[in-house]
N, C-alpha and C. Protein backbone atom coordinates (compact mmCIF):
# COMPACT_ATOMS: atom_id res chain seq x y z
N UNK A 1 0.74 -1.06 0.07
CA UNK A 1 -0.35 -0.05 -0.12
C UNK A 1 0.76 1.23 0.25
N UNK A 2 0.37 2.15 -1.29
CA UNK A 2 1.54 3.58 -0.94
C UNK A 2 0.96 4.81 -0.08
N UNK A 3 1.53 5.00 0.92
CA UNK A 3 1.14 5.63 2.15
C UNK A 3 2.04 7.35 2.20
N UNK A 4 1.09 8.37 2.65
CA UNK A 4 2.07 9.29 3.33
C UNK A 4 2.10 9.07 4.86
N UNK A 5 3.20 9.71 5.15
CA UNK A 5 3.40 9.98 6.97
C UNK A 5 3.57 11.34 7.13
N UNK A 6 2.84 11.38 8.11
CA UNK A 6 2.70 12.65 8.44
C UNK A 6 3.60 12.92 9.36
N UNK A 7 4.47 13.92 8.84
CA UNK A 7 5.75 14.03 9.94
C UNK A 7 6.28 15.20 10.44
N UNK A 8 6.50 15.23 11.72
CA UNK A 8 7.07 16.49 12.01
C UNK A 8 8.47 16.64 12.65
N UNK A 9 9.07 15.12 12.70
CA UNK A 9 10.40 15.30 13.11
C UNK A 9 10.69 14.68 14.38
N UNK A 10 9.58 14.49 15.30
CA UNK A 10 9.23 14.28 16.44
C UNK A 10 9.20 12.99 16.92
N UNK A 11 9.45 12.46 18.08
CA UNK A 11 9.46 10.89 18.43
C UNK A 11 8.49 9.82 17.97
N UNK A 12 6.95 10.67 18.14
CA UNK A 12 6.21 10.17 17.61
C UNK A 12 5.71 9.66 15.93
N UNK A 13 5.89 10.43 15.18
CA UNK A 13 5.78 10.24 13.73
C UNK A 13 6.94 9.57 13.07
N UNK A 14 8.00 9.94 14.06
CA UNK A 14 9.34 8.97 13.48
C UNK A 14 8.99 7.54 13.98
N UNK A 15 8.62 7.52 14.94
CA UNK A 15 8.38 5.97 15.33
C UNK A 15 7.09 5.30 14.53
N UNK A 16 6.22 6.06 13.88
CA UNK A 16 5.15 5.64 13.47
C UNK A 16 5.54 5.43 11.83
N UNK A 17 6.68 6.17 11.38
CA UNK A 17 7.32 6.03 9.78
C UNK A 17 8.11 4.56 10.34
N UNK A 18 8.90 4.47 10.84
CA UNK A 18 9.46 3.15 11.27
C UNK A 18 8.42 1.89 11.23
N UNK A 19 7.37 2.02 12.14
CA UNK A 19 6.92 0.88 12.37
C UNK A 19 5.86 0.38 10.79
N UNK A 20 5.90 1.35 9.95
CA UNK A 20 4.95 1.19 8.83
C UNK A 20 6.28 0.60 7.89
N UNK A 21 7.37 1.04 7.73
CA UNK A 21 8.24 0.55 6.92
C UNK A 21 9.09 -0.69 7.43
N UNK A 22 8.46 -1.16 8.55
CA UNK A 22 9.05 -2.12 9.09
C UNK A 22 7.94 -3.39 8.55
N UNK A 23 6.46 -2.99 8.63
CA UNK A 23 5.63 -3.36 8.17
C UNK A 23 5.33 -4.08 6.72
N UNK A 24 6.20 -2.94 5.73
CA UNK A 24 6.00 -3.17 4.74
C UNK A 24 5.38 -2.52 3.87
N UNK A 25 4.78 -1.48 4.31
CA UNK A 25 3.95 -0.57 3.68
C UNK A 25 5.41 0.44 2.36
N UNK A 26 4.82 1.09 1.74
CA UNK A 26 5.35 1.90 0.51
C UNK A 26 5.29 3.38 0.92
N UNK A 27 6.40 3.82 1.56
CA UNK A 27 5.97 5.26 1.91
C UNK A 27 6.47 6.06 0.60
N UNK A 28 5.49 6.81 -0.08
CA UNK A 28 5.33 7.53 -0.76
C UNK A 28 6.23 9.03 -0.51
N UNK A 29 5.76 9.58 0.21
CA UNK A 29 6.24 10.72 0.84
C UNK A 29 6.28 10.79 2.58
N UNK A 30 6.67 11.92 3.22
CA UNK A 30 6.81 12.41 4.03
C UNK A 30 5.36 14.02 4.13
N UNK A 31 4.90 14.39 4.78
CA UNK A 31 4.02 15.41 4.85
C UNK A 31 4.08 15.96 6.11
N UNK A 32 4.69 17.50 5.60
CA UNK A 32 4.74 18.24 6.67
C UNK A 32 3.98 19.45 6.61
N UNK A 33 3.32 20.36 7.68
CA UNK A 33 2.66 21.61 7.58
C UNK A 33 3.65 22.49 8.28
N UNK A 34 4.01 23.69 7.46
CA UNK A 34 4.73 24.37 8.77
C UNK A 34 3.81 25.79 8.87
N UNK A 35 3.07 25.81 10.24
CA UNK A 35 2.41 26.45 11.22
C UNK A 35 2.89 28.01 10.70
N UNK A 36 2.29 29.24 10.80
CA UNK A 36 2.97 30.60 10.59
C UNK A 36 3.01 31.09 11.93
N UNK A 37 1.96 30.54 13.05
CA UNK A 37 2.32 30.84 14.41
C UNK A 37 2.87 29.56 15.55
N UNK A 38 2.93 30.34 16.47
CA UNK A 38 3.39 28.87 17.36
C UNK A 38 2.43 28.56 18.38
N UNK A 39 0.86 28.74 18.20
CA UNK A 39 0.25 28.10 19.02
C UNK A 39 -0.72 26.98 18.06
N UNK A 40 -0.10 26.41 17.32
CA UNK A 40 -1.22 25.68 15.98
C UNK A 40 -1.73 24.50 17.09
N UNK A 41 -2.69 24.16 16.66
CA UNK A 41 -3.86 23.28 17.84
C UNK A 41 -3.24 21.50 17.20
N UNK A 42 -2.71 21.47 15.78
CA UNK A 42 -2.53 20.37 14.98
C UNK A 42 -0.96 20.03 14.73
N UNK A 43 0.05 21.10 14.74
CA UNK A 43 1.40 20.99 14.12
C UNK A 43 2.27 21.38 14.55
N UNK A 44 3.36 20.89 15.06
CA UNK A 44 4.69 21.07 15.62
C UNK A 44 5.24 22.64 15.27
N UNK A 45 5.55 23.46 15.93
CA UNK A 45 6.04 24.35 15.82
C UNK A 45 7.51 24.90 15.60
N UNK A 46 8.27 24.06 16.99
CA UNK A 46 9.83 24.45 16.89
C UNK A 46 10.68 23.39 15.97
N UNK A 47 11.40 24.29 15.24
CA UNK A 47 12.08 23.24 14.47
C UNK A 47 11.53 22.71 13.36
N UNK A 48 10.53 23.29 13.25
CA UNK A 48 9.79 22.16 11.90
C UNK A 48 10.35 22.26 10.57
N UNK A 49 11.32 23.45 10.71
CA UNK A 49 11.61 24.02 8.86
C UNK A 49 12.59 22.80 9.09
N UNK A 50 13.11 22.09 9.81
CA UNK A 50 14.36 20.94 9.79
C UNK A 50 14.05 19.79 9.30
N UNK A 51 12.51 19.87 8.87
CA UNK A 51 12.48 18.81 8.18
C UNK A 51 12.70 18.22 6.76
N UNK A 52 13.22 19.40 5.99
CA UNK A 52 13.99 19.10 5.04
C UNK A 52 15.38 18.15 5.15
N UNK A 53 15.80 18.58 6.20
CA UNK A 53 17.14 17.39 6.63
C UNK A 53 16.42 16.25 7.09
N UNK A 54 15.58 16.14 8.04
CA UNK A 54 15.02 14.54 8.16
C UNK A 54 14.83 13.61 6.81
N UNK A 55 13.99 14.69 5.86
CA UNK A 55 13.52 13.73 4.83
C UNK A 55 14.89 12.91 4.17
N UNK A 56 15.91 13.80 4.09
CA UNK A 56 17.04 13.49 3.69
C UNK A 56 17.73 12.52 4.23
N UNK A 57 17.59 12.83 5.44
CA UNK A 57 18.22 11.79 6.19
C UNK A 57 17.57 10.22 5.98
N UNK A 58 16.57 10.06 6.04
CA UNK A 58 16.03 9.13 5.75
C UNK A 58 15.65 8.65 4.21
N UNK A 59 15.86 9.13 3.48
CA UNK A 59 15.76 9.10 2.21
C UNK A 59 14.06 9.32 1.47
N UNK A 60 13.48 9.68 1.85
CA UNK A 60 11.97 9.75 1.31
C UNK A 60 11.86 11.17 1.03
N UNK A 61 11.40 10.92 0.23
CA UNK A 61 10.61 12.96 -0.41
C UNK A 61 9.96 13.45 0.56
N UNK A 62 9.83 14.46 0.67
CA UNK A 62 9.22 15.41 1.34
C UNK A 62 8.29 16.88 0.57
N UNK A 63 6.87 16.55 1.11
CA UNK A 63 5.90 17.23 0.91
C UNK A 63 5.25 17.92 1.99
N UNK A 64 5.65 19.67 1.71
CA UNK A 64 5.29 20.46 2.63
C UNK A 64 4.37 21.78 2.30
N UNK A 65 3.49 22.16 3.11
CA UNK A 65 2.85 23.91 2.48
C UNK A 65 2.80 24.30 4.22
N UNK A 66 2.66 25.45 3.91
CA UNK A 66 2.39 26.47 4.83
C UNK A 66 1.10 26.45 5.56
N UNK A 67 0.55 26.73 6.78
CA UNK A 67 -0.96 26.75 6.97
C UNK A 67 -0.77 28.09 8.25
N UNK A 68 -1.98 28.82 8.17
CA UNK A 68 -1.80 29.96 9.18
C UNK A 68 -2.15 29.23 10.48
N UNK A 69 -2.61 28.26 10.59
CA UNK A 69 -2.14 27.75 12.29
C UNK A 69 -3.71 27.74 13.24
N UNK A 70 -4.75 28.74 12.38
CA UNK A 70 -5.95 28.67 12.82
C UNK A 70 -6.51 27.09 13.01
N UNK A 71 -7.39 27.18 13.85
CA UNK A 71 -7.54 25.82 14.82
C UNK A 71 -8.12 25.08 13.56
N UNK A 72 -9.47 25.22 12.48
CA UNK A 72 -10.09 24.41 11.41
C UNK A 72 -9.00 24.75 9.97
N UNK A 73 -8.64 25.90 10.20
CA UNK A 73 -8.47 26.14 8.75
C UNK A 73 -7.27 25.36 8.21
N UNK A 74 -6.57 24.93 9.63
CA UNK A 74 -4.94 24.35 9.30
C UNK A 74 -5.36 22.92 8.77
N UNK A 75 -6.78 21.83 9.22
CA UNK A 75 -7.15 21.23 8.91
C UNK A 75 -7.40 20.84 7.36
N UNK A 76 -7.90 22.41 6.76
CA UNK A 76 -8.34 22.44 5.21
C UNK A 76 -7.08 22.14 4.82
N UNK A 77 -6.12 23.11 5.07
CA UNK A 77 -4.54 23.56 4.55
C UNK A 77 -4.11 21.76 3.82
N UNK A 78 -4.25 21.10 5.21
CA UNK A 78 -3.62 19.64 5.51
C UNK A 78 -4.64 18.63 4.37
N UNK A 79 -5.66 19.00 3.99
CA UNK A 79 -6.67 18.30 3.60
C UNK A 79 -6.48 18.58 1.94
N UNK A 80 -6.30 20.05 1.70
CA UNK A 80 -5.65 20.32 0.43
C UNK A 80 -4.47 19.65 -0.22
N UNK A 81 -3.52 19.58 0.80
CA UNK A 81 -2.20 19.14 0.08
C UNK A 81 -2.15 17.62 -0.12
N UNK A 82 -3.25 17.10 1.21
CA UNK A 82 -3.06 15.09 0.91
C UNK A 82 -3.97 15.04 -0.62
N UNK A 83 -4.66 15.90 -0.98
CA UNK A 83 -5.76 15.44 -2.20
C UNK A 83 -4.85 15.40 -3.18
N UNK A 84 -3.84 16.22 -3.73
CA UNK A 84 -2.99 16.01 -4.54
C UNK A 84 -2.14 15.11 -4.82
N UNK A 85 -1.96 14.00 -3.76
CA UNK A 85 -1.15 13.00 -3.36
C UNK A 85 -1.74 11.71 -4.00
N UNK A 86 -0.84 10.82 -4.77
CA UNK A 86 -1.40 9.39 -5.33
C UNK A 86 -0.87 8.61 -4.58
N UNK A 87 -1.76 8.42 -3.30
CA UNK A 87 -1.80 7.49 -2.31
C UNK A 87 -2.88 6.58 -1.83
N UNK A 88 -2.88 5.71 -1.49
CA UNK A 88 -4.00 4.86 -0.81
C UNK A 88 -4.14 5.26 0.60
N UNK A 89 -3.44 6.08 1.79
CA UNK A 89 -3.43 5.94 3.08
C UNK A 89 -2.38 7.00 3.82
N UNK A 90 -2.81 7.47 4.73
CA UNK A 90 -2.48 8.44 5.50
C UNK A 90 -1.52 7.68 6.97
N UNK A 91 -0.68 7.78 7.16
CA UNK A 91 0.16 7.69 8.62
C UNK A 91 0.12 8.74 9.60
N UNK A 92 -0.69 8.45 10.49
CA UNK A 92 -0.10 9.76 12.01
C UNK A 92 0.19 8.86 12.87
N UNK A 93 1.14 9.63 13.58
CA UNK A 93 1.93 9.17 14.82
C UNK A 93 0.80 9.42 16.10
N UNK A 94 -0.25 9.83 16.05
CA UNK A 94 -1.03 9.94 17.32
C UNK A 94 -1.29 9.09 18.51
N UNK A 95 -1.16 9.15 19.54
CA UNK A 95 -1.15 8.21 20.33
C UNK A 95 -2.02 8.35 21.29
N UNK A 96 -2.66 9.37 21.88
CA UNK A 96 -3.99 9.52 22.72
C UNK A 96 -4.77 10.73 22.23
N UNK A 97 -4.69 11.21 21.50
CA UNK A 97 -5.39 12.90 21.16
C UNK A 97 -6.15 12.62 20.29
N UNK A 98 -7.50 12.72 20.87
CA UNK A 98 -8.68 12.27 19.81
C UNK A 98 -8.94 13.47 19.16
N UNK A 99 -8.56 14.67 19.20
CA UNK A 99 -8.66 15.77 18.63
C UNK A 99 -7.77 15.64 17.32
N UNK A 100 -6.43 15.27 17.39
CA UNK A 100 -5.82 14.95 16.48
C UNK A 100 -5.85 13.66 15.18
N UNK A 101 -6.11 12.74 16.43
CA UNK A 101 -6.87 11.15 15.33
C UNK A 101 -8.04 11.51 14.61
N UNK A 102 -9.31 12.21 15.11
CA UNK A 102 -10.60 12.24 14.42
C UNK A 102 -10.44 12.90 13.21
N UNK A 103 -9.57 13.82 13.18
CA UNK A 103 -9.35 14.97 12.23
C UNK A 103 -8.40 14.59 10.97
N UNK A 104 -7.53 13.36 11.32
CA UNK A 104 -7.26 12.52 10.09
C UNK A 104 -8.32 11.72 9.64
N UNK A 105 -8.93 11.22 10.45
CA UNK A 105 -10.05 10.32 9.71
C UNK A 105 -10.76 11.02 9.06
N UNK A 106 -11.06 12.02 9.51
CA UNK A 106 -12.46 12.74 8.71
C UNK A 106 -11.59 13.13 7.40
N UNK A 107 -10.54 13.75 7.65
CA UNK A 107 -9.49 13.95 6.17
C UNK A 107 -9.81 12.59 5.36
N UNK A 108 -9.25 11.57 5.63
CA UNK A 108 -9.24 10.13 4.84
C UNK A 108 -10.52 9.99 4.59
N UNK A 109 -11.83 9.85 5.25
CA UNK A 109 -13.08 9.46 5.06
C UNK A 109 -13.46 10.60 3.79
N UNK A 110 -13.19 11.71 3.47
CA UNK A 110 -13.52 12.53 2.59
C UNK A 110 -12.70 12.12 1.50
N UNK A 111 -11.24 11.47 1.65
CA UNK A 111 -10.56 11.46 0.20
C UNK A 111 -10.12 10.16 -0.07
N UNK A 112 -11.16 9.06 0.74
CA UNK A 112 -11.29 7.89 0.65
C UNK A 112 -9.97 7.12 0.90
N UNK A 113 -9.22 7.38 1.59
CA UNK A 113 -7.94 6.91 1.98
C UNK A 113 -8.33 6.06 3.50
N UNK A 114 -7.15 5.57 3.90
CA UNK A 114 -7.33 4.53 4.74
C UNK A 114 -6.42 5.26 5.89
N UNK A 115 -7.02 5.47 7.48
CA UNK A 115 -6.23 6.26 8.15
C UNK A 115 -5.65 4.96 8.80
N UNK A 116 -4.32 5.44 9.04
CA UNK A 116 -3.38 4.04 10.14
C UNK A 116 -2.44 4.97 11.20
N UNK A 117 -3.00 4.40 12.01
CA UNK A 117 -2.13 4.99 13.17
C UNK A 117 -1.49 4.09 14.41
N UNK A 118 -0.46 3.81 13.76
CA UNK A 118 0.29 2.15 14.75
C UNK A 118 0.54 2.64 16.11
N UNK A 119 0.57 3.91 16.58
CA UNK A 119 0.80 3.82 18.03
C UNK A 119 -0.39 4.09 18.49
N UNK A 120 -1.49 4.02 18.34
CA UNK A 120 -2.70 4.86 19.03
C UNK A 120 -3.24 3.90 19.99
N UNK A 121 -3.23 4.58 21.27
CA UNK A 121 -3.60 3.97 22.59
C UNK A 121 -2.95 2.90 23.12
N UNK A 122 -1.60 3.00 22.61
CA UNK A 122 -0.14 1.95 23.30
C UNK A 122 -0.05 2.81 24.17
N UNK A 123 0.56 2.12 25.43
CA UNK A 123 1.41 2.32 26.93
C UNK A 123 2.62 3.49 26.21
N UNK A 124 2.07 4.72 27.02
CA UNK A 124 2.82 5.43 26.99
C UNK A 124 4.42 5.17 27.37
N UNK A 125 4.21 4.43 28.44
CA UNK A 125 5.63 3.69 29.23
C UNK A 125 6.37 2.96 28.01
N UNK A 126 5.56 1.97 27.57
CA UNK A 126 6.29 0.81 26.51
C UNK A 126 6.55 1.82 25.04
N UNK A 127 6.04 2.73 24.79
CA UNK A 127 6.42 3.79 23.42
C UNK A 127 7.73 4.45 23.93
N UNK A 128 8.07 5.09 25.20
CA UNK A 128 9.43 5.58 25.62
C UNK A 128 10.50 4.52 25.67
N UNK A 129 10.10 3.05 26.08
CA UNK A 129 11.50 2.43 26.30
C UNK A 129 11.59 1.62 24.78
N UNK A 130 10.34 1.72 23.74
CA UNK A 130 10.48 1.34 22.44
C UNK A 130 11.84 2.29 22.01
N UNK A 131 11.71 3.28 22.23
CA UNK A 131 12.61 4.33 21.47
C UNK A 131 13.60 4.33 22.37
N UNK A 132 14.10 3.93 23.05
CA UNK A 132 15.22 3.71 23.85
C UNK A 132 15.70 2.75 23.34
N UNK A 133 14.87 1.57 22.98
CA UNK A 133 15.43 0.28 22.70
C UNK A 133 16.08 0.35 20.84
N UNK A 134 15.46 0.98 20.35
CA UNK A 134 15.84 1.20 19.14
C UNK A 134 17.05 2.45 18.83
N UNK A 135 17.31 2.96 19.78
CA UNK A 135 18.76 3.74 20.10
C UNK A 135 17.97 5.16 19.02
N UNK A 136 17.00 5.48 19.25
CA UNK A 136 16.60 6.76 18.64
C UNK A 136 17.16 7.88 19.77
N UNK A 137 18.23 8.64 18.97
CA UNK A 137 18.72 9.67 19.28
C UNK A 137 17.72 10.91 19.53
N UNK A 138 16.85 10.98 20.86
CA UNK A 138 15.88 12.06 20.61
C UNK A 138 16.32 13.10 21.66
N UNK A 139 15.97 14.68 21.38
CA UNK A 139 16.07 15.79 22.21
C UNK A 139 14.67 16.54 22.37
N UNK A 140 14.36 17.05 23.69
CA UNK A 140 13.53 17.96 23.76
C UNK A 140 13.56 19.66 23.04
N UNK A 141 12.73 19.83 22.43
CA UNK A 141 12.83 21.11 21.75
C UNK A 141 11.65 21.91 22.20
N UNK A 142 11.00 21.87 22.92
CA UNK A 142 10.02 22.35 23.75
C UNK A 142 9.30 21.81 24.70
N UNK A 143 8.85 22.50 25.99
CA UNK A 143 8.30 22.13 27.08
C UNK A 143 7.09 23.52 27.34
N UNK A 144 5.98 22.75 27.37
CA UNK A 144 5.01 24.27 27.66
C UNK A 144 4.14 23.64 28.76
N UNK A 145 4.69 23.57 30.09
CA UNK A 145 3.69 22.71 31.20
C UNK A 145 4.72 22.70 32.20
N UNK A 146 3.63 22.94 33.50
CA UNK A 146 4.30 23.48 34.86
C UNK A 146 5.11 22.42 35.10
N UNK A 147 6.01 22.78 35.33
CA UNK A 147 6.88 21.10 35.99
C UNK A 147 8.16 20.98 35.56
N UNK A 148 8.08 21.59 34.21
CA UNK A 148 9.18 21.80 33.69
C UNK A 148 10.10 22.66 33.81
N UNK A 149 11.64 22.94 33.42
CA UNK A 149 12.50 23.73 33.69
C UNK A 149 12.95 24.01 32.37
N UNK A 150 13.91 25.45 32.28
CA UNK A 150 14.47 25.61 31.28
C UNK A 150 15.77 24.12 30.63
N UNK A 151 16.19 23.77 32.07
CA UNK A 151 17.39 22.82 31.49
C UNK A 151 16.46 21.38 30.89
N UNK A 152 15.70 21.61 30.54
CA UNK A 152 15.25 20.30 29.73
C UNK A 152 15.44 20.83 28.40
N UNK A 153 15.45 21.80 27.95
CA UNK A 153 15.95 22.45 26.56
C UNK A 153 16.80 21.80 25.85
N UNK A 154 16.88 20.82 24.91
CA UNK A 154 18.20 20.28 24.16
C UNK A 154 18.82 19.18 24.88
N UNK A 155 17.80 18.38 26.17
CA UNK A 155 18.20 17.28 26.76
C UNK A 155 17.60 16.22 25.89
N UNK A 156 18.28 14.89 25.98
CA UNK A 156 18.52 13.86 25.48
C UNK A 156 17.25 13.10 26.05
N UNK A 157 16.65 12.26 25.56
CA UNK A 157 15.68 11.07 26.08
C UNK A 157 16.37 10.02 26.32
N UNK A 158 16.56 9.75 27.62
CA UNK A 158 17.65 8.69 27.65
C UNK A 158 16.75 8.33 29.22
N UNK A 159 17.61 7.03 29.54
CA UNK A 159 16.58 6.66 30.92
C UNK A 159 16.42 7.79 31.87
N UNK A 160 17.71 8.69 32.40
CA UNK A 160 17.54 9.46 33.46
C UNK A 160 16.60 10.29 32.94
N UNK A 161 16.26 10.97 31.45
CA UNK A 161 15.03 11.61 31.59
C UNK A 161 13.97 11.04 31.22
N UNK A 162 13.56 9.65 31.00
CA UNK A 162 12.38 8.83 31.12
C UNK A 162 11.97 8.85 32.54
N UNK A 163 12.79 8.96 33.28
CA UNK A 163 12.91 8.65 35.27
C UNK A 163 11.94 9.74 35.22
N UNK A 164 12.86 10.88 34.96
CA UNK A 164 11.80 12.33 35.41
C UNK A 164 10.73 12.81 34.93
N UNK A 165 10.88 12.41 33.62
CA UNK A 165 9.67 12.33 32.95
C UNK A 165 8.09 11.40 33.76
N UNK A 166 8.69 10.12 34.22
CA UNK A 166 7.80 9.66 35.24
C UNK A 166 7.48 10.07 36.67
N UNK A 167 8.52 10.94 37.02
CA UNK A 167 7.99 11.63 37.91
C UNK A 167 7.45 12.82 37.84
N UNK A 168 7.45 13.70 36.49
CA UNK A 168 6.51 14.60 36.37
C UNK A 168 4.87 14.60 36.18
N UNK A 169 4.96 13.07 35.64
CA UNK A 169 3.67 12.67 35.38
C UNK A 169 2.73 12.34 36.69
N UNK A 170 3.86 11.55 37.57
CA UNK A 170 3.20 11.54 39.23
C UNK A 170 2.34 12.69 39.72
N UNK A 171 3.62 13.77 39.53
CA UNK A 171 3.34 15.02 40.21
C UNK A 171 2.51 16.19 39.69
N UNK A 172 2.56 15.93 38.58
CA UNK A 172 1.73 17.29 37.75
C UNK A 172 0.85 16.40 36.63
N UNK A 173 1.10 14.89 36.27
CA UNK A 173 -0.17 15.02 35.36
C UNK A 173 0.50 14.79 33.83
N UNK A 174 1.32 15.22 33.98
CA UNK A 174 2.22 15.48 32.67
C UNK A 174 2.35 14.09 31.55
N UNK A 175 1.85 14.16 30.52
CA UNK A 175 1.74 12.87 29.71
C UNK A 175 3.11 12.72 29.36
N UNK A 176 3.37 11.12 29.39
CA UNK A 176 4.75 10.84 29.67
C UNK A 176 5.21 10.60 28.21
N UNK A 177 4.16 11.12 26.83
CA UNK A 177 5.26 11.07 25.56
C UNK A 177 4.50 12.35 25.19
N UNK A 178 3.96 13.39 26.17
CA UNK A 178 3.82 14.59 25.80
C UNK A 178 2.80 14.89 24.52
N UNK A 179 1.78 14.09 24.77
CA UNK A 179 0.54 14.12 24.09
C UNK A 179 -0.40 15.26 24.04
N UNK A 180 -0.33 15.86 25.24
CA UNK A 180 -1.06 16.85 25.41
C UNK A 180 -0.37 18.30 25.10
N UNK A 181 0.50 18.20 24.52
CA UNK A 181 1.48 19.32 24.01
C UNK A 181 2.37 19.61 25.18
N UNK A 182 2.60 18.62 26.08
CA UNK A 182 3.45 19.26 27.31
C UNK A 182 4.85 19.43 26.84
N UNK A 183 5.30 18.75 25.97
CA UNK A 183 6.93 18.78 25.32
C UNK A 183 6.62 17.91 24.14
N UNK A 184 7.70 18.85 23.29
CA UNK A 184 7.95 18.76 21.78
C UNK A 184 9.60 17.89 21.55
N UNK A 185 9.40 16.98 20.79
CA UNK A 185 10.93 16.39 20.20
C UNK A 185 11.31 16.60 19.10
N UNK A 186 12.43 16.22 18.67
CA UNK A 186 13.23 15.83 17.37
C UNK A 186 14.49 15.22 17.20
N UNK A 187 14.14 13.97 16.59
CA UNK A 187 14.99 12.83 16.47
C UNK A 187 16.07 13.02 14.94
N UNK A 188 17.18 13.03 15.83
CA UNK A 188 18.43 13.71 15.19
C UNK A 188 19.12 12.15 14.80
N UNK A 189 18.66 10.90 14.88
CA UNK A 189 19.18 9.70 14.05
C UNK A 189 18.61 8.55 15.07
N UNK A 190 17.90 7.47 14.21
CA UNK A 190 17.67 6.40 14.31
C UNK A 190 17.81 5.70 13.51
N UNK A 191 17.94 3.57 13.81
CA UNK A 191 18.41 2.76 13.11
C UNK A 191 18.17 2.82 11.94
N UNK A 192 16.78 3.40 11.37
CA UNK A 192 16.87 3.67 9.70
C UNK A 192 17.54 4.90 9.20
N UNK A 193 17.80 5.36 9.55
CA UNK A 193 18.45 7.03 9.16
C UNK A 193 19.38 6.35 8.83
N UNK A 194 19.67 7.08 7.22
CA UNK A 194 21.41 7.01 6.32
C UNK A 194 21.94 7.99 6.77
N UNK A 195 21.30 9.06 7.30
CA UNK A 195 22.45 9.80 7.84
C UNK A 195 21.77 10.49 9.28
N UNK A 196 22.92 11.21 10.33
CA UNK A 196 22.21 11.91 11.16
C UNK A 196 22.32 13.43 11.49
N UNK A 197 21.32 13.48 12.02
CA UNK A 197 21.17 15.54 12.19
C UNK A 197 22.06 16.27 13.38
N UNK A 198 23.16 16.81 13.00
CA UNK A 198 24.08 17.31 13.82
C UNK A 198 23.61 18.56 14.20
N UNK A 199 23.29 19.15 15.45
CA UNK A 199 22.89 20.29 15.79
C UNK A 199 24.43 21.23 16.24
N UNK A 200 24.55 22.21 15.32
CA UNK A 200 25.68 23.18 15.28
C UNK A 200 25.33 24.44 16.23
N UNK A 201 24.48 24.73 15.83
CA UNK A 201 23.82 26.15 16.85
C UNK A 201 22.72 25.80 16.98
N UNK A 202 21.97 26.37 18.35
CA UNK A 202 21.04 26.45 19.31
C UNK A 202 21.41 27.50 20.22
N UNK A 203 19.69 27.47 20.61
CA UNK A 203 19.40 28.92 21.49
C UNK A 203 18.55 28.55 22.12
N UNK A 204 18.11 28.74 23.65
CA UNK A 204 17.36 28.46 24.80
C UNK A 204 16.38 29.66 24.65
N UNK A 205 15.10 29.57 24.23
CA UNK A 205 14.09 30.46 23.88
C UNK A 205 13.40 30.45 25.45
N UNK A 206 13.31 30.98 26.62
CA UNK A 206 12.64 30.73 27.43
C UNK A 206 11.32 31.96 28.21
N UNK A 207 10.27 31.73 28.39
CA UNK A 207 9.57 33.15 29.09
C UNK A 207 8.32 32.37 29.79
N UNK A 208 8.44 32.90 30.86
CA UNK A 208 7.56 32.30 31.77
C UNK A 208 8.01 31.17 32.19
N UNK A 209 6.95 30.11 31.99
CA UNK A 209 6.95 28.38 32.62
C UNK A 209 7.17 27.65 31.27
N UNK A 210 7.06 28.12 30.04
CA UNK A 210 7.39 27.61 28.74
C UNK A 210 9.01 28.05 28.16
N UNK A 211 9.11 27.17 26.97
CA UNK A 211 10.47 27.61 26.32
C UNK A 211 10.60 26.61 25.13
N UNK A 212 11.77 26.91 23.97
CA UNK A 212 11.73 25.79 23.07
C UNK A 212 13.18 26.48 22.66
N UNK A 213 13.68 25.19 22.13
CA UNK A 213 14.86 24.90 21.89
C UNK A 213 15.30 25.34 20.28
N UNK A 214 15.51 26.62 20.15
CA UNK A 214 15.55 27.00 18.31
C UNK A 214 16.86 26.45 17.87
N UNK A 215 16.70 25.58 16.94
CA UNK A 215 18.00 25.30 16.47
C UNK A 215 18.26 26.16 15.54
N UNK A 216 19.65 26.95 15.23
CA UNK A 216 19.35 27.81 14.43
C UNK A 216 20.36 27.30 13.07
N UNK A 217 21.17 26.31 13.29
CA UNK A 217 21.67 25.81 12.11
C UNK A 217 22.20 24.17 12.42
N UNK A 218 21.78 23.39 11.67
CA UNK A 218 21.76 21.94 11.82
C UNK A 218 22.59 21.65 10.36
N UNK A 219 23.41 20.57 10.48
CA UNK A 219 23.33 19.51 9.24
C UNK A 219 23.60 18.27 9.20
N UNK A 220 23.86 17.31 8.09
CA UNK A 220 23.67 15.98 7.99
C UNK A 220 25.02 15.78 7.93
N UNK A 221 25.24 14.46 8.87
CA UNK A 221 26.54 13.87 9.19
C UNK A 221 26.40 12.25 8.70
N UNK A 222 27.55 11.81 8.27
CA UNK A 222 27.62 10.28 7.53
C UNK A 222 27.57 9.10 8.95
N UNK A 223 27.26 8.26 9.13
CA UNK A 223 26.99 7.26 10.25
C UNK A 223 28.33 6.53 10.18
């Protein structure tokens, strides 16, 4: 089956991509929406423009378009983009967000496509364990919930970070996988990447109780 994968460069969409590749799907392209505002309901904002590097690293074509980021307009923008593709299904990295999943399902229904959500309703703990087991090199690029500090920005998700995330989950109810928008990530390397992404220059932007890791320069390296 020819599919397109909704990709942000984050851990969930990257794991969903890995899953469908190993299951034998033909991934025709990655699809990324570039929100013009930082409070998009559907799409990642920090470092989304690095998707060109991600696509090159995994050697899969990238299809992208800008969107206003307004709540329902961005859904129409995504539908318009997907409607141009010669595919049979859409792959999403949604884990527990009914808002995200329901809107992807509606787009697929309207366009006659299959909606594939490989991670849906899986245990957040098991998903993090899988990411570690597969040796995804993942950094946190944004934190937007009480309990996080500036020190989380740029931090790698390793066993120590997972332990700290579990503590934040117990104390503040933060989703372990950030499904509620509590934090966002970027995968720099994975087992199926042909090249890895190296961060050359970055800056921590912090305001009040939230912030993001702005990557000003990055490049691909041979593995």
